[in-house]
């Protein structure tokens, strides 16, 4: 199971590595992914302590994403190197590569609920006599169906009250 590691944990692990402890022994002891720990060490070496605080919050355009994926697929640059160069998380880069291989778009998805159109929809007036009659027929069918449902509910209530020995209401 993956868990998030806070800044202090990452800094502690990197300092243990820099003091001479092997990455493999730390990963076994703390049950960590080796590639993730190597990434922390590389980020620390490149950016210092600030590199362990997390990646920046920048949204890449689809063109930038496809250029970065091409670096990996066509030029053969390693994931670690690309992640360090562009300051991208490893999981984000892997998901971009997966989407490209599946033939999906790298467009940024809009998040949240789409905005509502606050204007009232314009009522379209029927143009021909036939359309007017069809609209009235549809309205009358809906009204008829509603009245049938109301009648069925009233009859059901009356039957239920007769079973209980009560007189039917006059409403």
Protein backbone atom coordinates (compact mmCIF):
# COMPACT_ATOMS: atom_id res chain seq x y z
CA UNK A 1 0.00 0.00 0.00
CA UNK A 2 1.34 3.42 -0.92
CA UNK A 3 1.48 6.10 1.72
CA UNK A 4 2.55 9.70 1.51
CA UNK A 5 5.77 10.65 3.21
CA UNK A 6 6.13 14.05 4.76
CA UNK A 7 9.10 16.35 4.33
CA UNK A 8 10.81 15.28 7.58
CA UNK A 9 10.63 11.58 6.68
CA UNK A 10 12.12 12.20 3.24
CA UNK A 11 14.87 14.40 4.66
CA UNK A 12 15.70 11.76 7.31
CA UNK A 13 15.91 8.99 4.68
CA UNK A 14 18.11 11.07 2.35
CA UNK A 15 20.44 12.02 5.22
CA UNK A 16 20.79 8.33 6.11
CA UNK A 17 21.76 7.60 2.49
CA UNK A 18 24.27 10.45 2.41
CA UNK A 19 25.81 9.22 5.67
CA UNK A 20 26.70 5.94 3.93
CA UNK A 21 23.74 3.61 4.53
CA UNK A 22 22.70 1.65 1.45
CA UNK A 23 19.47 2.47 -0.33
CA UNK A 24 18.46 -1.18 -0.49
CA UNK A 25 18.74 -1.72 3.27
CA UNK A 26 16.70 1.42 4.00
CA UNK A 27 14.05 0.37 1.48
CA UNK A 28 13.79 -3.11 3.00
CA UNK A 29 13.64 -1.75 6.55
CA UNK A 30 10.97 0.89 5.82
CA UNK A 31 9.23 -1.05 3.01
CA UNK A 32 9.75 1.71 0.45
CA UNK A 33 9.95 1.71 -3.34
CA UNK A 34 13.62 1.89 -4.33
CA UNK A 35 13.00 4.10 -7.37
CA UNK A 36 11.09 6.60 -5.23
CA UNK A 37 13.94 6.82 -2.72
CA UNK A 38 16.50 7.24 -5.52
CA UNK A 39 14.32 10.04 -6.90
CA UNK A 40 14.34 11.76 -3.49
CA UNK A 41 18.13 11.53 -3.36
CA UNK A 42 18.52 12.94 -6.87
CA UNK A 43 16.08 15.79 -6.13
CA UNK A 44 18.01 16.56 -2.95
CA UNK A 45 21.30 16.63 -4.85
CA UNK A 46 19.89 18.94 -7.52
CA UNK A 47 17.62 21.29 -5.51
CA UNK A 48 18.77 20.81 -1.90
CA UNK A 49 16.23 20.54 0.91
CA UNK A 50 13.70 22.45 -1.15
CA UNK A 51 13.63 19.56 -3.64
CA UNK A 52 12.13 17.27 -1.00
CA UNK A 53 9.19 19.56 -0.32
CA UNK A 54 7.32 18.34 -3.39
CA UNK A 55 6.94 19.28 -7.01
CA UNK A 56 5.67 22.65 -8.10
CA UNK A 57 2.07 23.11 -9.04
CA UNK A 58 2.32 23.73 -12.76
CA UNK A 59 -0.07 22.46 -15.40
CA UNK A 60 1.66 21.45 -18.62
CA UNK A 61 -0.08 22.00 -21.94
CA UNK A 62 -0.77 19.00 -24.15
CA UNK A 63 2.05 20.06 -26.49
CA UNK A 64 4.54 20.22 -23.60
CA UNK A 65 3.36 16.84 -22.36
CA UNK A 66 3.77 15.24 -25.78
CA UNK A 67 7.29 16.71 -26.10
CA UNK A 68 8.24 15.27 -22.72
CA UNK A 69 6.81 11.86 -23.62
CA UNK A 70 8.73 11.94 -26.93
CA UNK A 71 11.94 12.46 -24.96
CA UNK A 72 11.28 9.17 -23.22
CA UNK A 73 9.95 7.14 -26.14
CA UNK A 74 12.08 8.39 -29.04
CA UNK A 75 15.27 9.69 -27.46
CA UNK A 76 15.47 7.01 -24.75
CA UNK A 77 16.03 9.43 -21.86
CA UNK A 78 15.41 7.74 -18.49
CA UNK A 79 12.34 8.50 -16.39
CA UNK A 80 14.47 9.81 -13.52
CA UNK A 81 16.31 12.23 -15.74
CA UNK A 82 13.11 13.57 -17.29
CA UNK A 83 11.47 13.91 -13.87
CA UNK A 84 14.42 15.91 -12.57
CA UNK A 85 14.79 18.07 -15.66
CA UNK A 86 11.12 19.05 -15.89
CA UNK A 87 10.27 18.78 -12.16
CA UNK A 88 7.47 16.26 -12.74
CA UNK A 89 6.39 13.47 -10.45
CA UNK A 90 7.22 9.99 -11.64
CA UNK A 91 3.59 8.85 -11.48
CA UNK A 92 2.38 11.78 -13.63
CA UNK A 93 4.98 11.03 -16.29
CA UNK A 94 4.08 7.32 -16.28
CA UNK A 95 0.39 8.14 -16.72
CA UNK A 96 1.19 10.45 -19.67
CA UNK A 97 3.24 7.69 -21.33
CA UNK A 98 0.45 5.18 -20.74
CA UNK A 99 -2.16 7.51 -22.24
CA UNK A 100 -0.02 8.07 -25.35
CA UNK A 101 0.52 4.33 -25.81
CA UNK A 102 -3.24 3.75 -25.53
CA UNK A 103 -3.86 6.44 -28.13
CA UNK A 104 -5.63 8.78 -25.71
CA UNK A 105 -5.34 12.55 -25.67
CA UNK A 106 -3.00 14.42 -23.33
CA UNK A 107 -5.42 17.36 -23.00
CA UNK A 108 -5.90 18.73 -19.52
CA UNK A 109 -9.28 17.71 -18.18
CA UNK A 110 -11.59 20.38 -16.87
CA UNK A 111 -12.20 19.82 -13.19
CA UNK A 112 -15.38 20.45 -11.26
CA UNK A 113 -18.93 20.93 -12.31
CA UNK A 114 -19.52 22.62 -15.66
CA UNK A 115 -20.90 26.14 -15.40
CA UNK A 116 -24.68 26.48 -15.60
CA UNK A 117 -26.30 28.55 -18.28
CA UNK A 118 -28.30 30.94 -16.11
CA UNK A 119 -30.43 32.30 -18.95
CA UNK A 120 -33.82 30.75 -19.41
CA UNK A 121 -34.13 28.63 -22.51
CA UNK A 122 -36.17 30.36 -25.16
CA UNK A 123 -39.51 28.75 -25.83
CA UNK A 124 -39.81 27.73 -29.40
CA UNK A 125 -43.17 28.59 -30.89
CA UNK A 126 -44.67 25.94 -33.16
CA UNK A 127 -44.60 27.25 -36.70
CA UNK A 128 -47.19 25.19 -38.52
CA UNK A 129 -50.73 24.17 -37.63
CA UNK A 130 -49.63 20.52 -37.53
CA UNK A 131 -46.87 21.28 -35.00
CA UNK A 132 -49.35 23.25 -32.87
CA UNK A 133 -51.77 20.33 -32.83
CA UNK A 134 -48.97 17.84 -32.04
CA UNK A 135 -47.77 19.99 -29.12
CA UNK A 136 -51.33 20.27 -27.75
CA UNK A 137 -51.85 16.52 -28.18
CA UNK A 138 -48.64 15.83 -26.22
CA UNK A 139 -49.70 18.22 -23.44
CA UNK A 140 -53.17 16.62 -23.20
CA UNK A 141 -51.68 13.10 -23.06
CA UNK A 142 -49.40 14.14 -20.18
CA UNK A 143 -52.33 15.77 -18.36
CA UNK A 144 -54.48 12.67 -18.90
CA UNK A 145 -51.72 10.38 -17.56
CA UNK A 146 -51.36 12.61 -14.48
CA UNK A 147 -55.10 12.52 -13.79
CA UNK A 148 -55.13 8.73 -14.12
CA UNK A 149 -52.33 8.45 -11.54
CA UNK A 150 -54.16 10.76 -9.13
CA UNK A 151 -57.39 8.75 -9.54
CA UNK A 152 -55.51 5.46 -8.92
CA UNK A 153 -53.92 6.88 -5.74
CA UNK A 154 -57.29 8.10 -4.42
CA UNK A 155 -58.91 4.71 -5.10
CA UNK A 156 -55.99 2.96 -3.37
CA UNK A 157 -56.36 5.18 -0.29
CA UNK A 158 -60.14 4.55 -0.19
CA UNK A 159 -59.62 0.79 -0.44
CA UNK A 160 -57.02 0.91 2.31
CA UNK A 161 -59.32 2.94 4.59
CA UNK A 162 -62.24 0.52 3.92
CA UNK A 163 -60.02 -2.37 5.00
CA UNK A 164 -59.23 -0.57 8.24
CA UNK A 165 -62.93 0.05 8.92
CA UNK A 166 -62.82 3.80 8.34
CA UNK A 167 -65.15 5.86 6.24
CA UNK A 168 -63.63 7.32 3.07
CA UNK A 169 -62.69 10.98 3.25
CA UNK A 170 -64.60 13.57 1.29
CA UNK A 171 -61.48 15.33 0.03
